[in-house]
Amino acid sequence: MKKTALSLFAALLAGACLFFGACAESAEYVANDAQDLLQEDFGVAVKKGNAEMKAAVDAVVDEWLGNGNMDKYFNYYTDLADANKSPEAPSGLKLEWDLSANTEVLDMYTESGFAPYEFVHSSGYPVSDGSSESGAYSIAGLDVAIACQVAENLNCKLVIHDVAFDTIITHLNNADGKALAAAGLTINPKRAEQVDFGNIYSSSTLSIVCDKEKNYHSLKELDGLKIGVQEGTSGDLIATAAKGAEGHSYEDEDGNTVTVKLASPETEVLTYKSYAAALAALKAGKIDVIFMDKVPAQLLIQNA
């Protein structure tokens, strides 16, 4: 995990902490910060070497960070994703983009189960390519808002493809024409070999969703447990690495290398296509914890 510029998103993360507290809990479950890991940075991905698309993404990200709209969008979509809230949009915040008159297409690849970055909601942007038991549906969220604004600036029609998370980068690289991938993608060296990332627009810490009676607070405490993750996410990559012979290593804020190992032979990392499926497994007692990003974890259990 790369060392981050902690000051860049201090206000956003502080707001999230004030909103949810150090941890969030439901009647049965709690989401605790993994205190032995650093925060991660998210970026919108574009094809390797596509300077035009990267510049278009950076223009929106830099503007919204500069004028405070990134925080406003994050907080609005966090409230919108909470089934117990019906938020009103802050004054001046754009929530609808009419791109239907444009002819050129901008393809967006995402996975709709990662609120507040993207989630199924009637007020969102229609999905053009995907699958849902309910048929036609729309996706809202911070990533969708960024993609809509990029499309508007490029005079493009936005086509959203809702695909499995672990296939997003492959879909992006196989796309023709203008395309981007936005799905709360953590910037890491492996992904950076495959795609170019726009400027950092959000950050997150990893959390542990578990039974309130267990109350785990670190990755190392999960040794010997059955750990549920979404396939291809940072939680998957980190837990799998920690279970391996060399463990998961990262550089702390002081530049020191820290290694976390899950050495027990009883440790299992079980992958799921969605966090909803992982939550169902947790409720059924098939896994002990879910390892995932903080705010999506808090929304997951609040809406459980």
Protein backbone atom coordinates (compact mmCIF):
# COMPACT_ATOMS: atom_id res chain seq x y z
CA MET A 1 0.00 0.00 0.00
CA LYS A 2 1.48 3.33 -1.01
CA LYS A 3 2.21 6.04 1.49
CA THR A 4 -0.37 8.79 1.06
CA ALA A 5 -0.47 12.56 1.38
CA LEU A 6 -2.67 12.46 4.44
CA SER A 7 -3.50 16.14 4.42
CA LEU A 8 -5.16 16.03 0.98
CA PHE A 9 -8.34 14.36 2.19
CA ALA A 10 -8.19 15.10 5.89
CA ALA A 11 -11.38 17.15 5.73
CA LEU A 12 -13.31 14.49 3.81
CA LEU A 13 -12.19 11.68 6.08
CA ALA A 14 -12.81 13.76 9.17
CA GLY A 15 -16.35 14.38 7.94
CA ALA A 16 -16.87 10.68 7.41
CA CYS A 17 -15.57 9.95 10.90
CA LEU A 18 -17.90 12.54 12.43
CA PHE A 19 -20.81 11.11 10.46
CA PHE A 20 -20.17 7.49 11.38
CA GLY A 21 -17.85 7.69 14.39
CA ALA A 22 -14.72 5.54 14.75
CA CYS A 23 -16.87 2.57 13.89
CA ALA A 24 -20.42 1.97 12.73
CA GLU A 25 -22.74 -0.67 14.05
CA SER A 26 -26.13 -2.22 13.48
CA ALA A 27 -28.17 -4.40 15.78
CA GLU A 28 -25.87 -7.36 15.07
CA TYR A 29 -22.76 -6.14 13.27
CA VAL A 30 -19.99 -3.58 13.63
CA ALA A 31 -17.52 -2.09 11.13
CA ASN A 32 -14.16 -1.33 12.74
CA ASP A 33 -11.12 0.35 11.21
CA ALA A 34 -8.19 -1.99 10.51
CA GLN A 35 -5.82 -0.01 12.70
CA ASP A 36 -2.67 -1.76 11.47
CA LEU A 37 -3.06 -0.48 7.87
CA LEU A 38 -2.70 2.92 6.23
CA GLN A 39 -5.38 4.64 4.17
CA GLU A 40 -5.63 4.05 0.42
CA ASP A 41 -6.08 6.49 -2.45
CA PHE A 42 -8.71 6.17 -5.19
CA GLY A 43 -8.32 7.28 -8.82
CA VAL A 44 -10.30 7.12 -12.04
CA ALA A 45 -8.53 4.84 -14.53
CA VAL A 46 -8.01 5.45 -18.25
CA LYS A 47 -6.16 3.52 -20.91
CA LYS A 48 -2.38 3.58 -20.69
CA GLY A 49 -0.98 6.59 -22.51
CA ASN A 50 -4.34 8.27 -23.13
CA ALA A 51 -3.33 11.79 -22.17
CA GLU A 52 -6.58 13.32 -23.44
CA MET A 53 -8.79 11.21 -21.17
CA LYS A 54 -6.50 11.67 -18.19
CA ALA A 55 -6.58 15.45 -18.68
CA ALA A 56 -10.40 15.38 -18.94
CA VAL A 57 -10.66 13.41 -15.68
CA ASP A 58 -8.12 15.59 -13.89
CA ALA A 59 -9.95 18.76 -14.94
CA VAL A 60 -13.12 17.62 -13.14
CA VAL A 61 -11.30 16.20 -10.11
CA ASP A 62 -9.14 19.30 -9.63
CA GLU A 63 -12.10 21.66 -10.03
CA TRP A 64 -14.27 19.78 -7.52
CA LEU A 65 -11.45 19.48 -5.00
CA GLY A 66 -10.71 23.17 -5.39
CA ASN A 67 -14.27 24.44 -4.98
CA GLY A 68 -15.29 21.96 -2.27
CA ASN A 69 -17.81 20.08 -4.42
CA MET A 70 -15.99 16.75 -4.02
CA ASP A 71 -16.79 16.75 -0.31
CA LYS A 72 -20.36 17.85 -1.00
CA TYR A 73 -20.91 15.06 -3.51
CA PHE A 74 -19.32 12.49 -1.19
CA ASN A 75 -21.51 13.52 1.75
CA TYR A 76 -24.67 13.77 -0.37
CA TYR A 77 -24.25 10.30 -1.90
CA THR A 78 -23.33 8.84 1.49
CA ASP A 79 -26.66 10.09 2.84
CA LEU A 80 -28.53 9.02 -0.31
CA ALA A 81 -27.17 5.48 0.01
CA ASP A 82 -28.45 5.28 3.59
CA ALA A 83 -31.92 3.72 3.46
CA ASN A 84 -32.89 5.72 6.54
CA LYS A 85 -32.23 9.14 4.97
CA SER A 86 -33.75 11.28 2.23
CA PRO A 87 -31.20 14.07 1.75
CA GLU A 88 -31.74 17.32 -0.09
CA ALA A 89 -29.02 18.36 -2.51
CA PRO A 90 -26.78 21.19 -1.30
CA SER A 91 -27.43 24.49 -3.08
CA GLY A 92 -25.69 24.69 -6.44
CA LEU A 93 -24.77 21.01 -6.60
CA LYS A 94 -25.52 19.52 -10.01
CA LEU A 95 -27.20 16.10 -9.84
CA GLU A 96 -28.63 15.62 -13.34
CA TRP A 97 -26.81 15.60 -16.67
CA ASP A 98 -28.75 15.51 -19.95
CA LEU A 99 -26.25 13.99 -22.38
CA SER A 100 -28.78 12.48 -24.77
CA ALA A 101 -28.15 14.99 -27.58
CA ASN A 102 -24.47 14.07 -27.82
CA THR A 103 -23.44 11.51 -30.41
CA GLU A 104 -19.91 10.46 -29.43
CA VAL A 105 -19.81 7.88 -26.62
CA LEU A 106 -17.83 7.82 -23.38
CA ASP A 107 -17.89 4.31 -21.90
CA MET A 108 -17.74 3.99 -18.10
CA TYR A 109 -16.90 0.64 -16.51
CA THR A 110 -17.94 0.17 -12.89
CA GLU A 111 -19.49 -2.26 -10.39
CA SER A 112 -22.63 -1.02 -8.69
CA GLY A 113 -22.21 -2.45 -5.20
CA PHE A 114 -19.84 0.10 -3.65
CA ALA A 115 -21.81 2.94 -2.05
CA PRO A 116 -21.35 5.90 -1.90
CA TYR A 117 -19.13 5.68 -5.00
CA GLU A 118 -21.67 3.73 -7.07
CA PHE A 119 -24.93 2.07 -6.07
CA VAL A 120 -28.29 1.23 -7.59
CA HIS A 121 -30.72 4.10 -7.07
CA SER A 122 -33.73 5.41 -8.99
CA SER A 123 -32.29 8.94 -9.09
CA GLY A 124 -29.08 7.83 -10.79
CA TYR A 125 -27.89 7.59 -14.39
CA PRO A 126 -29.40 4.72 -16.45
CA VAL A 127 -27.23 1.69 -16.97
CA SER A 128 -26.79 0.83 -20.63
CA ASP A 129 -25.05 -2.50 -20.25
CA GLY A 130 -25.38 -4.71 -17.19
CA SER A 131 -27.65 -7.17 -15.48
CA SER A 132 -30.16 -6.87 -12.66
CA GLU A 133 -32.96 -9.06 -11.42
CA SER A 134 -35.22 -6.01 -11.59
CA GLY A 135 -34.42 -5.33 -15.25
CA ALA A 136 -33.63 -1.72 -16.21
CA TYR A 137 -31.98 0.26 -13.43
CA SER A 138 -29.90 3.34 -12.67
CA ILE A 139 -26.69 3.93 -10.73
CA ALA A 140 -25.91 6.95 -8.56
CA GLY A 141 -22.76 7.88 -6.66
CA LEU A 142 -19.62 9.99 -6.58
CA ASP A 143 -17.93 8.07 -9.42
CA VAL A 144 -21.02 8.38 -11.61
CA ALA A 145 -21.14 12.14 -10.99
CA ILE A 146 -17.49 12.49 -12.01
CA ALA A 147 -18.06 10.43 -15.17
CA CYS A 148 -21.16 12.46 -16.08
CA GLN A 149 -19.26 15.73 -15.78
CA VAL A 150 -16.33 14.37 -17.81
CA ALA A 151 -18.81 13.27 -20.50
CA GLU A 152 -20.48 16.68 -20.55
CA ASN A 153 -17.13 18.45 -20.87
CA LEU A 154 -16.20 16.19 -23.80
CA ASN A 155 -19.64 16.57 -25.46
CA CYS A 156 -20.16 12.82 -25.11
CA LYS A 157 -23.05 10.54 -24.30
CA LEU A 158 -22.26 8.43 -21.23
CA VAL A 159 -22.72 4.67 -21.51
CA ILE A 160 -22.42 2.87 -18.16
CA HIS A 161 -21.35 -0.78 -18.10
CA ASP A 162 -22.05 -2.51 -14.76
CA VAL A 163 -19.61 -5.44 -14.71
CA ALA A 164 -17.87 -7.72 -12.21
CA PHE A 165 -15.27 -5.76 -10.26
CA ASP A 166 -12.36 -8.04 -11.13
CA THR A 167 -13.04 -7.54 -14.87
CA ILE A 168 -13.23 -3.73 -14.91
CA ILE A 169 -9.67 -3.04 -16.05
CA THR A 170 -9.88 -5.74 -18.73
CA HIS A 171 -13.10 -4.18 -20.07
CA LEU A 172 -11.48 -0.74 -20.04
CA ASN A 173 -8.45 -1.89 -22.00
CA ASN A 174 -10.63 -3.72 -24.54
CA ALA A 175 -12.87 -0.69 -25.13
CA ASP A 176 -12.94 1.26 -28.38
CA GLY A 177 -13.04 5.05 -28.32
CA LYS A 178 -13.24 7.17 -25.18
CA ALA A 179 -13.47 5.15 -21.95
CA LEU A 180 -12.77 5.31 -18.23
CA ALA A 181 -13.11 3.04 -15.21
CA ALA A 182 -14.41 4.36 -11.89
CA ALA A 183 -15.32 1.98 -9.09
CA GLY A 184 -13.48 3.12 -5.98
CA LEU A 185 -10.28 1.83 -7.63
CA THR A 186 -7.31 1.87 -5.28
CA ILE A 187 -4.14 3.16 -6.92
CA ASN A 188 -1.51 0.44 -6.54
CA PRO A 189 1.60 -0.58 -8.49
CA LYS A 190 0.00 -3.63 -10.14
CA ARG A 191 -2.93 -1.64 -11.53
CA ALA A 192 -0.64 1.24 -12.51
CA GLU A 193 1.16 -1.15 -14.85
CA GLN A 194 -2.11 -1.76 -16.71
CA VAL A 195 -3.79 1.67 -16.71
CA ASP A 196 -3.11 5.33 -16.03
CA PHE A 197 -4.85 6.93 -13.06
CA GLY A 198 -6.21 10.44 -12.83
CA ASN A 199 -5.44 12.58 -9.80
CA ILE A 200 -6.47 11.22 -6.41
CA TYR A 201 -10.07 12.23 -5.70
CA SER A 202 -10.89 10.24 -2.54
CA SER A 203 -9.27 8.11 0.12
CA SER A 204 -10.38 5.30 2.39
CA THR A 205 -9.24 3.04 5.16
CA LEU A 206 -10.01 -0.67 5.32
CA SER A 207 -12.56 -1.94 7.82
CA ILE A 208 -13.57 -5.23 9.38
CA VAL A 209 -17.27 -6.08 9.41
CA CYS A 210 -18.03 -8.64 12.09
CA ASP A 211 -20.42 -9.70 14.83
CA LYS A 212 -20.59 -7.08 17.60
CA GLU A 213 -19.51 -9.69 20.13
CA LYS A 214 -16.22 -10.26 18.24
CA ASN A 215 -15.15 -6.66 17.62
CA TYR A 216 -11.91 -7.17 15.67
CA HIS A 217 -9.78 -4.04 15.14
CA SER A 218 -6.81 -5.12 13.01
CA LEU A 219 -5.87 -7.36 10.12
CA LYS A 220 -3.53 -9.40 12.30
CA GLU A 221 -6.43 -10.26 14.63
CA LEU A 222 -8.05 -12.14 11.73
CA ASP A 223 -5.43 -14.91 11.79
CA GLY A 224 -7.22 -18.25 11.90
CA LEU A 225 -10.57 -16.86 10.70
CA LYS A 226 -12.63 -17.15 7.52
CA ILE A 227 -12.31 -13.76 5.82
CA GLY A 228 -14.84 -12.68 3.20
CA VAL A 229 -13.75 -10.26 0.45
CA GLN A 230 -15.02 -9.02 -2.89
CA GLU A 231 -12.97 -10.56 -5.67
CA GLY A 232 -10.24 -8.29 -7.02
CA THR A 233 -10.63 -5.54 -4.39
CA SER A 234 -7.93 -4.20 -2.09
CA GLY A 235 -9.39 -6.30 0.71
CA ASP A 236 -8.90 -9.40 -1.44
CA LEU A 237 -5.36 -8.47 -2.52
CA ILE A 238 -4.20 -7.53 0.97
CA ALA A 239 -5.78 -10.47 2.82
CA THR A 240 -4.47 -12.93 0.21
CA ALA A 241 -0.97 -11.45 0.42
CA ALA A 242 -1.06 -11.53 4.23
CA LYS A 243 -1.97 -15.23 4.10
CA GLY A 244 0.97 -15.93 1.78
CA ALA A 245 4.46 -16.89 2.86
CA GLU A 246 5.84 -13.34 2.61
CA GLY A 247 2.83 -11.57 4.16
CA HIS A 248 1.46 -8.15 3.21
CA SER A 249 4.07 -5.39 3.37
CA TYR A 250 3.64 -1.64 3.12
CA GLU A 251 5.54 1.52 4.00
CA ASP A 252 4.32 3.42 7.06
CA GLU A 253 4.27 7.21 7.47
CA ASP A 254 7.87 7.20 8.70
CA GLY A 255 9.16 5.22 5.72
CA ASN A 256 9.52 1.95 7.61
CA THR A 257 8.44 -1.34 6.03
CA VAL A 258 5.65 -3.05 7.98
CA THR A 259 4.65 -6.67 7.30
CA VAL A 260 1.40 -8.30 8.41
CA LYS A 261 1.18 -12.10 8.24
CA LEU A 262 -1.78 -14.42 8.71
CA ALA A 263 0.25 -17.55 9.40
CA SER A 264 -2.39 -19.90 10.82
CA PRO A 265 -3.24 -22.79 8.46
CA GLU A 266 -6.88 -22.28 9.46
CA THR A 267 -7.00 -18.82 7.87
CA GLU A 268 -9.20 -18.76 4.77
CA VAL A 269 -9.84 -15.93 2.29
CA LEU A 270 -13.18 -16.50 0.56
CA THR A 271 -14.04 -14.35 -2.45
CA TYR A 272 -17.48 -13.11 -3.49
CA LYS A 273 -18.70 -11.25 -6.56
CA SER A 274 -20.46 -8.63 -4.42
CA TYR A 275 -20.47 -7.35 -0.86
CA ALA A 276 -24.15 -8.25 -0.64
CA ALA A 277 -23.18 -11.88 -1.21
CA ALA A 278 -20.45 -11.59 1.42
CA LEU A 279 -22.93 -10.15 3.91
CA ALA A 280 -25.30 -13.06 3.25
CA ALA A 281 -22.42 -15.45 3.95
CA LEU A 282 -21.61 -13.62 7.19
CA LYS A 283 -25.23 -13.83 8.32
CA ALA A 284 -25.27 -17.55 7.48
CA GLY A 285 -22.12 -18.17 9.55
CA LYS A 286 -20.05 -19.22 6.53
CA ILE A 287 -17.43 -16.54 7.22
CA ASP A 288 -16.29 -14.73 10.35
CA VAL A 289 -15.66 -11.25 8.92
CA ILE A 290 -15.83 -9.12 5.77
CA PHE A 291 -12.71 -7.11 4.91
CA MET A 292 -13.58 -4.00 2.88
CA ASP A 293 -13.39 -0.20 2.60
CA LYS A 294 -14.67 1.92 5.47
CA VAL A 295 -17.67 3.96 4.29
CA PRO A 296 -19.09 1.20 2.05
CA ALA A 297 -18.74 -1.13 5.05
CA GLN A 298 -20.66 1.24 7.27
CA LEU A 299 -23.43 1.66 4.72
CA LEU A 300 -23.57 -2.10 4.18
CA ILE A 301 -24.38 -2.88 7.79
CA GLN A 302 -26.67 0.13 8.26
CA ASN A 303 -28.78 -1.08 5.36
CA ALA A 304 -28.55 -4.77 6.30
